[in-house]
Amino acid sequence: MKRRILLVDDELAILLTLKAILEMHNFEVDTAASAKEAERKLNAAEFDMVITDMRMEHETAGYDVIRAARAVAYNPATAILTAYPALGNDWKARGAQQLLVKPVNTQDLLRQLEALLITHQDAMMRAIKQNSTKTTKREAVKKAG
């Protein structure tokens, strides 16, 4: 099964180039040219990952996309793609899991995306396991009580 990515960038050349590269490497890619369009798409379908440019409608529109991705129940991995890497650690505090700096070498990009997907999936599995352990403990306490 192909992993689904929502790719968000207002520069058409970057959007189409990255879409083609990712599709050649077995990703299913949907695109959005603005934060508003990305928010609509995040609510209409499920994605394994969201990659967003930072500067679109305004200087920090990428954070709007990250916030929208964090709000959906299916919890996609998130990355900011920017030509302005001087964000410090603010991107982490705002919910992004990876910072990708343009221009990016194709092999480096693919390696970083794969690593992010694996790390994100592991974190989700740990959270599920913790929740099921808590539920099991509560059920045992109820039965014993």
N, C-alpha and C. Protein backbone atom coordinates (compact mmCIF):
# COMPACT_ATOMS: atom_id res chain seq x y z
N MET A 1 0.83 -1.18 0.00
CA MET A 1 0.00 0.00 0.00
C MET A 1 0.88 1.25 0.00
N LYS A 2 0.59 2.20 -0.88
CA LYS A 2 1.36 3.43 -0.97
C LYS A 2 1.03 4.34 0.21
N ARG A 3 2.06 5.00 0.70
CA ARG A 3 1.85 5.97 1.76
C ARG A 3 1.42 7.29 1.14
N ARG A 4 0.46 7.95 1.78
CA ARG A 4 -0.11 9.17 1.24
C ARG A 4 0.51 10.40 1.87
N ILE A 5 0.90 11.33 1.02
CA ILE A 5 1.49 12.59 1.46
C ILE A 5 0.66 13.75 0.93
N LEU A 6 0.42 14.74 1.82
CA LEU A 6 -0.13 16.01 1.38
C LEU A 6 1.04 16.98 1.30
N LEU A 7 1.31 17.48 0.11
CA LEU A 7 2.43 18.38 -0.16
C LEU A 7 1.85 19.78 -0.37
N VAL A 8 2.32 20.75 0.42
CA VAL A 8 1.76 22.10 0.40
C VAL A 8 2.85 23.11 0.07
N ASP A 9 2.68 23.84 -1.02
CA ASP A 9 3.63 24.88 -1.42
C ASP A 9 2.95 25.79 -2.42
N ASP A 10 3.19 27.08 -2.32
CA ASP A 10 2.56 28.02 -3.26
C ASP A 10 3.37 28.23 -4.53
N GLU A 11 4.57 27.65 -4.60
CA GLU A 11 5.38 27.73 -5.81
C GLU A 11 5.12 26.49 -6.65
N LEU A 12 4.44 26.68 -7.77
CA LEU A 12 4.00 25.58 -8.62
C LEU A 12 5.16 24.70 -9.08
N ALA A 13 6.28 25.29 -9.44
CA ALA A 13 7.42 24.50 -9.93
C ALA A 13 7.93 23.55 -8.84
N ILE A 14 8.03 24.02 -7.62
CA ILE A 14 8.48 23.18 -6.51
C ILE A 14 7.45 22.10 -6.22
N LEU A 15 6.19 22.50 -6.20
CA LEU A 15 5.10 21.55 -5.93
C LEU A 15 5.10 20.40 -6.93
N LEU A 16 5.18 20.72 -8.22
CA LEU A 16 5.13 19.69 -9.25
C LEU A 16 6.40 18.83 -9.29
N THR A 17 7.55 19.46 -9.05
CA THR A 17 8.81 18.71 -9.05
C THR A 17 8.84 17.71 -7.89
N LEU A 18 8.51 18.18 -6.69
CA LEU A 18 8.51 17.28 -5.53
C LEU A 18 7.45 16.20 -5.66
N LYS A 19 6.30 16.55 -6.19
CA LYS A 19 5.24 15.56 -6.42
C LYS A 19 5.75 14.44 -7.33
N ALA A 20 6.39 14.81 -8.42
CA ALA A 20 6.91 13.82 -9.37
C ALA A 20 7.98 12.94 -8.72
N ILE A 21 8.89 13.56 -7.96
CA ILE A 21 9.95 12.79 -7.30
C ILE A 21 9.34 11.80 -6.31
N LEU A 22 8.42 12.25 -5.50
CA LEU A 22 7.82 11.38 -4.49
C LEU A 22 7.00 10.26 -5.12
N GLU A 23 6.28 10.57 -6.18
CA GLU A 23 5.50 9.54 -6.86
C GLU A 23 6.41 8.48 -7.50
N MET A 24 7.57 8.90 -8.00
CA MET A 24 8.51 7.93 -8.57
C MET A 24 9.06 6.99 -7.51
N HIS A 25 8.94 7.39 -6.24
CA HIS A 25 9.44 6.57 -5.14
C HIS A 25 8.30 5.99 -4.30
N ASN A 26 7.21 5.67 -4.98
CA ASN A 26 6.08 4.93 -4.41
C ASN A 26 5.27 5.65 -3.34
N PHE A 27 5.21 6.96 -3.39
CA PHE A 27 4.31 7.70 -2.53
C PHE A 27 3.11 8.13 -3.36
N GLU A 28 1.96 8.18 -2.72
CA GLU A 28 0.78 8.77 -3.35
C GLU A 28 0.73 10.21 -2.85
N VAL A 29 0.72 11.18 -3.77
CA VAL A 29 0.86 12.58 -3.38
C VAL A 29 -0.35 13.39 -3.83
N ASP A 30 -0.92 14.12 -2.86
CA ASP A 30 -1.95 15.12 -3.15
C ASP A 30 -1.29 16.46 -2.87
N THR A 31 -1.71 17.51 -3.56
CA THR A 31 -1.07 18.81 -3.40
C THR A 31 -2.08 19.87 -3.00
N ALA A 32 -1.54 20.91 -2.37
CA ALA A 32 -2.32 22.10 -2.03
C ALA A 32 -1.40 23.30 -2.24
N ALA A 33 -1.96 24.40 -2.73
CA ALA A 33 -1.15 25.58 -3.03
C ALA A 33 -1.28 26.66 -1.96
N SER A 34 -2.00 26.36 -0.86
CA SER A 34 -2.15 27.33 0.22
C SER A 34 -2.49 26.59 1.51
N ALA A 35 -2.34 27.30 2.62
CA ALA A 35 -2.69 26.71 3.92
C ALA A 35 -4.19 26.41 3.99
N LYS A 36 -4.99 27.31 3.46
CA LYS A 36 -6.45 27.10 3.48
C LYS A 36 -6.84 25.85 2.70
N GLU A 37 -6.26 25.68 1.52
CA GLU A 37 -6.54 24.48 0.71
C GLU A 37 -6.06 23.23 1.44
N ALA A 38 -4.92 23.31 2.08
CA ALA A 38 -4.39 22.16 2.83
C ALA A 38 -5.33 21.77 3.97
N GLU A 39 -5.85 22.76 4.69
CA GLU A 39 -6.78 22.48 5.78
C GLU A 39 -8.01 21.73 5.27
N ARG A 40 -8.55 22.16 4.14
CA ARG A 40 -9.71 21.47 3.56
C ARG A 40 -9.37 20.02 3.21
N LYS A 41 -8.20 19.82 2.61
CA LYS A 41 -7.81 18.47 2.20
C LYS A 41 -7.52 17.58 3.40
N LEU A 42 -6.93 18.14 4.46
CA LEU A 42 -6.66 17.35 5.67
C LEU A 42 -7.96 16.84 6.29
N ASN A 43 -9.02 17.61 6.16
CA ASN A 43 -10.31 17.21 6.72
C ASN A 43 -11.11 16.31 5.80
N ALA A 44 -10.73 16.26 4.53
CA ALA A 44 -11.48 15.47 3.55
C ALA A 44 -10.90 14.07 3.32
N ALA A 45 -9.62 13.86 3.64
CA ALA A 45 -8.96 12.58 3.40
C ALA A 45 -7.90 12.35 4.46
N GLU A 46 -7.37 11.13 4.52
CA GLU A 46 -6.32 10.81 5.48
C GLU A 46 -4.97 10.74 4.77
N PHE A 47 -3.95 11.26 5.46
CA PHE A 47 -2.59 11.28 4.95
C PHE A 47 -1.65 10.70 5.99
N ASP A 48 -0.60 10.03 5.52
CA ASP A 48 0.43 9.53 6.43
C ASP A 48 1.38 10.64 6.84
N MET A 49 1.53 11.63 5.95
CA MET A 49 2.47 12.72 6.20
C MET A 49 1.99 13.99 5.53
N VAL A 50 2.34 15.12 6.15
CA VAL A 50 2.10 16.43 5.58
C VAL A 50 3.44 17.15 5.50
N ILE A 51 3.78 17.62 4.30
CA ILE A 51 4.99 18.42 4.09
C ILE A 51 4.52 19.78 3.62
N THR A 52 4.88 20.82 4.36
CA THR A 52 4.40 22.15 4.01
C THR A 52 5.52 23.17 3.93
N ASP A 53 5.39 24.05 2.96
CA ASP A 53 6.26 25.22 2.88
C ASP A 53 5.88 26.13 4.05
N MET A 54 6.80 26.97 4.48
CA MET A 54 6.50 27.88 5.59
C MET A 54 5.83 29.15 5.10
N ARG A 55 6.44 29.81 4.12
CA ARG A 55 5.95 31.12 3.66
C ARG A 55 5.04 30.95 2.45
N MET A 56 3.76 31.17 2.69
CA MET A 56 2.80 31.11 1.59
C MET A 56 1.93 32.36 1.66
N GLU A 57 0.68 32.25 2.13
CA GLU A 57 -0.19 33.43 2.23
C GLU A 57 0.42 34.50 3.14
N HIS A 58 1.13 34.05 4.15
CA HIS A 58 1.85 34.95 5.05
C HIS A 58 3.10 34.23 5.54
N GLU A 59 3.93 34.92 6.30
CA GLU A 59 5.25 34.42 6.69
C GLU A 59 5.24 33.08 7.43
N THR A 60 4.17 32.82 8.17
CA THR A 60 4.13 31.59 8.98
C THR A 60 2.93 30.71 8.62
N ALA A 61 2.50 30.75 7.39
CA ALA A 61 1.36 29.93 6.96
C ALA A 61 1.61 28.44 7.16
N GLY A 62 2.86 28.02 7.10
CA GLY A 62 3.18 26.62 7.32
C GLY A 62 2.75 26.14 8.70
N TYR A 63 2.84 27.03 9.69
CA TYR A 63 2.38 26.66 11.03
C TYR A 63 0.87 26.44 11.07
N ASP A 64 0.13 27.17 10.23
CA ASP A 64 -1.32 26.94 10.14
C ASP A 64 -1.60 25.52 9.64
N VAL A 65 -0.79 25.08 8.67
CA VAL A 65 -0.95 23.73 8.12
C VAL A 65 -0.60 22.69 9.20
N ILE A 66 0.50 22.92 9.92
CA ILE A 66 0.91 22.00 10.98
C ILE A 66 -0.18 21.91 12.05
N ARG A 67 -0.71 23.05 12.45
CA ARG A 67 -1.79 23.09 13.46
C ARG A 67 -3.01 22.29 12.97
N ALA A 68 -3.37 22.46 11.71
CA ALA A 68 -4.51 21.72 11.15
C ALA A 68 -4.22 20.23 11.11
N ALA A 69 -2.98 19.86 10.80
CA ALA A 69 -2.60 18.44 10.77
C ALA A 69 -2.66 17.83 12.17
N ARG A 70 -2.27 18.60 13.18
CA ARG A 70 -2.30 18.12 14.56
C ARG A 70 -3.74 17.98 15.06
N ALA A 71 -4.68 18.69 14.43
CA ALA A 71 -6.07 18.68 14.89
C ALA A 71 -6.87 17.49 14.34
N VAL A 72 -6.40 16.85 13.28
CA VAL A 72 -7.15 15.72 12.73
C VAL A 72 -6.86 14.45 13.52
N ALA A 73 -7.86 13.60 13.62
CA ALA A 73 -7.76 12.41 14.47
C ALA A 73 -6.73 11.39 13.99
N TYR A 74 -6.45 11.35 12.70
CA TYR A 74 -5.57 10.30 12.17
C TYR A 74 -4.08 10.59 12.36
N ASN A 75 -3.71 11.78 12.83
CA ASN A 75 -2.36 12.10 13.29
C ASN A 75 -1.24 11.83 12.26
N PRO A 76 -1.17 12.63 11.19
CA PRO A 76 -0.08 12.42 10.21
C PRO A 76 1.26 12.94 10.73
N ALA A 77 2.34 12.40 10.20
CA ALA A 77 3.67 12.94 10.45
C ALA A 77 3.73 14.32 9.79
N THR A 78 4.55 15.23 10.35
CA THR A 78 4.57 16.59 9.82
C THR A 78 6.00 17.08 9.59
N ALA A 79 6.17 17.79 8.47
CA ALA A 79 7.48 18.37 8.15
C ALA A 79 7.28 19.74 7.51
N ILE A 80 8.18 20.64 7.84
CA ILE A 80 8.19 21.97 7.21
C ILE A 80 9.33 21.99 6.21
N LEU A 81 9.02 22.44 5.01
CA LEU A 81 9.99 22.58 3.93
C LEU A 81 10.19 24.08 3.71
N THR A 82 11.40 24.57 3.90
CA THR A 82 11.62 26.01 3.81
C THR A 82 12.99 26.35 3.23
N ALA A 83 13.06 27.50 2.60
CA ALA A 83 14.34 28.03 2.12
C ALA A 83 14.93 28.97 3.18
N TYR A 84 14.21 29.14 4.29
CA TYR A 84 14.61 30.04 5.36
C TYR A 84 14.78 29.24 6.66
N PRO A 85 15.93 28.59 6.82
CA PRO A 85 16.11 27.67 7.95
C PRO A 85 16.34 28.35 9.30
N ALA A 86 16.32 29.67 9.35
CA ALA A 86 16.59 30.37 10.60
C ALA A 86 15.36 30.39 11.51
N LEU A 87 14.69 29.26 11.65
CA LEU A 87 13.50 29.18 12.49
C LEU A 87 13.84 28.80 13.92
N GLY A 88 15.11 28.53 14.20
CA GLY A 88 15.48 28.05 15.52
C GLY A 88 14.77 26.74 15.81
N ASN A 89 14.31 26.58 17.04
CA ASN A 89 13.55 25.39 17.40
C ASN A 89 12.05 25.67 17.46
N ASP A 90 11.65 26.85 17.01
CA ASP A 90 10.24 27.23 17.04
C ASP A 90 9.38 26.22 16.28
N TRP A 91 9.92 25.66 15.21
CA TRP A 91 9.16 24.70 14.41
C TRP A 91 8.79 23.47 15.23
N LYS A 92 9.67 23.05 16.14
CA LYS A 92 9.36 21.91 17.00
C LYS A 92 8.26 22.27 17.99
N ALA A 93 8.38 23.45 18.59
CA ALA A 93 7.38 23.89 19.56
C ALA A 93 6.01 24.04 18.92
N ARG A 94 5.98 24.31 17.63
CA ARG A 94 4.71 24.49 16.92
C ARG A 94 4.14 23.19 16.37
N GLY A 95 4.79 22.05 16.65
CA GLY A 95 4.23 20.75 16.30
C GLY A 95 4.82 20.04 15.11
N ALA A 96 5.76 20.67 14.40
CA ALA A 96 6.40 19.99 13.27
C ALA A 96 7.42 18.99 13.81
N GLN A 97 7.57 17.89 13.11
CA GLN A 97 8.51 16.86 13.54
C GLN A 97 9.83 16.89 12.78
N GLN A 98 9.86 17.58 11.65
CA GLN A 98 11.07 17.60 10.82
C GLN A 98 11.15 18.95 10.12
N LEU A 99 12.37 19.45 9.96
CA LEU A 99 12.62 20.65 9.18
C LEU A 99 13.45 20.25 7.97
N LEU A 100 12.93 20.51 6.78
CA LEU A 100 13.62 20.20 5.53
C LEU A 100 13.99 21.53 4.87
N VAL A 101 15.26 21.68 4.50
CA VAL A 101 15.73 22.95 3.96
C VAL A 101 15.88 22.85 2.45
N LYS A 102 15.25 23.80 1.72
CA LYS A 102 15.36 23.88 0.27
C LYS A 102 16.64 24.63 -0.09
N PRO A 103 17.31 24.28 -1.14
CA PRO A 103 17.08 23.09 -1.94
C PRO A 103 17.58 21.85 -1.19
N VAL A 104 16.96 20.73 -1.49
CA VAL A 104 17.32 19.49 -0.82
C VAL A 104 17.64 18.43 -1.87
N ASN A 105 18.71 17.72 -1.64
CA ASN A 105 19.11 16.61 -2.51
C ASN A 105 18.02 15.53 -2.44
N THR A 106 17.68 14.95 -3.57
CA THR A 106 16.61 13.95 -3.63
C THR A 106 16.85 12.79 -2.68
N GLN A 107 18.04 12.24 -2.66
CA GLN A 107 18.31 11.10 -1.78
C GLN A 107 18.23 11.49 -0.31
N ASP A 108 18.71 12.68 0.03
CA ASP A 108 18.60 13.16 1.41
C ASP A 108 17.14 13.35 1.79
N LEU A 109 16.37 13.92 0.89
CA LEU A 109 14.94 14.13 1.15
C LEU A 109 14.25 12.80 1.42
N LEU A 110 14.46 11.83 0.55
CA LEU A 110 13.81 10.52 0.71
C LEU A 110 14.25 9.84 2.00
N ARG A 111 15.53 9.94 2.32
CA ARG A 111 16.03 9.35 3.56
C ARG A 111 15.39 10.00 4.78
N GLN A 112 15.30 11.33 4.76
CA GLN A 112 14.69 12.05 5.89
C GLN A 112 13.21 11.72 6.03
N LEU A 113 12.50 11.60 4.91
CA LEU A 113 11.08 11.28 4.96
C LEU A 113 10.84 9.87 5.48
N GLU A 114 11.64 8.93 5.02
CA GLU A 114 11.52 7.55 5.51
C GLU A 114 11.79 7.48 7.00
N ALA A 115 12.83 8.17 7.46
CA ALA A 115 13.16 8.18 8.89
C ALA A 115 12.02 8.80 9.69
N LEU A 116 11.45 9.87 9.19
CA LEU A 116 10.33 10.52 9.88
C LEU A 116 9.12 9.60 9.96
N LEU A 117 8.80 8.94 8.86
CA LEU A 117 7.67 8.02 8.87
C LEU A 117 7.87 6.87 9.87
N ILE A 118 9.07 6.32 9.92
CA ILE A 118 9.37 5.23 10.85
C ILE A 118 9.27 5.72 12.29
N THR A 119 9.89 6.85 12.59
CA THR A 119 9.85 7.41 13.94
C THR A 119 8.42 7.72 14.37
N HIS A 120 7.66 8.31 13.46
CA HIS A 120 6.26 8.66 13.75
C HIS A 120 5.42 7.41 14.01
N GLN A 121 5.59 6.41 13.17
CA GLN A 121 4.85 5.15 13.32
C GLN A 121 5.20 4.48 14.65
N ASP A 122 6.48 4.47 15.00
CA ASP A 122 6.91 3.89 16.28
C ASP A 122 6.26 4.62 17.45
N ALA A 123 6.23 5.95 17.40
CA ALA A 123 5.61 6.73 18.47
C ALA A 123 4.12 6.44 18.58
N MET A 124 3.46 6.30 17.44
CA MET A 124 2.03 5.98 17.46
C MET A 124 1.79 4.59 18.06
N MET A 125 2.64 3.62 17.72
CA MET A 125 2.49 2.26 18.26
C MET A 125 2.73 2.25 19.77
N ARG A 126 3.72 3.02 20.23
CA ARG A 126 3.97 3.10 21.68
C ARG A 126 2.77 3.71 22.39
N ALA A 127 2.18 4.75 21.81
CA ALA A 127 1.01 5.39 22.42
C ALA A 127 -0.17 4.43 22.48
N ILE A 128 -0.38 3.66 21.42
CA ILE A 128 -1.47 2.67 21.41
C ILE A 128 -1.22 1.61 22.47
N LYS A 129 0.02 1.16 22.57
CA LYS A 129 0.37 0.14 23.55
C LYS A 129 0.16 0.66 24.97
N GLN A 130 0.59 1.90 25.23
CA GLN A 130 0.40 2.49 26.55
C GLN A 130 -1.07 2.61 26.91
N ASN A 131 -1.87 3.05 25.93
CA ASN A 131 -3.31 3.19 26.17
C ASN A 131 -3.96 1.85 26.44
N SER A 132 -3.55 0.81 25.71
CA SER A 132 -4.15 -0.52 25.94
C SER A 132 -3.70 -1.09 27.28
N THR A 133 -2.47 -0.79 27.70
CA THR A 133 -1.98 -1.24 29.00
C THR A 133 -2.75 -0.55 30.11
N LYS A 134 -3.00 0.75 29.97
CA LYS A 134 -3.77 1.49 30.97
C LYS A 134 -5.18 0.94 31.06
N THR A 135 -5.80 0.63 29.90
CA THR A 135 -7.15 0.08 29.87
C THR A 135 -7.16 -1.28 30.55
N THR A 136 -6.18 -2.13 30.27
CA THR A 136 -6.10 -3.45 30.87
C THR A 136 -5.95 -3.34 32.39
N LYS A 137 -5.11 -2.42 32.85
CA LYS A 137 -4.93 -2.23 34.28
C LYS A 137 -6.22 -1.77 34.94
N ARG A 138 -6.93 -0.83 34.31
CA ARG A 138 -8.21 -0.36 34.86
C ARG A 138 -9.22 -1.48 34.94
N GLU A 139 -9.27 -2.32 33.91
CA GLU A 139 -10.22 -3.44 33.91
C GLU A 139 -9.87 -4.43 35.03
N ALA A 140 -8.57 -4.66 35.24
CA ALA A 140 -8.14 -5.57 36.32
C ALA A 140 -8.51 -5.01 37.68
N VAL A 141 -8.37 -3.70 37.85
CA VAL A 141 -8.72 -3.06 39.12
C VAL A 141 -10.22 -3.16 39.35
N LYS A 142 -11.02 -2.94 38.29
CA LYS A 142 -12.46 -3.05 38.41
C LYS A 142 -12.88 -4.46 38.81
N LYS A 143 -12.28 -5.45 38.18
CA LYS A 143 -12.61 -6.85 38.48
C LYS A 143 -12.21 -7.22 39.89
N ALA A 144 -11.07 -6.70 40.34
CA ALA A 144 -10.57 -7.02 41.69
C ALA A 144 -11.35 -6.25 42.76
N GLY A 145 -11.87 -5.08 42.36
CA GLY A 145 -12.51 -4.16 43.32
C GLY A 145 -13.84 -4.60 43.72
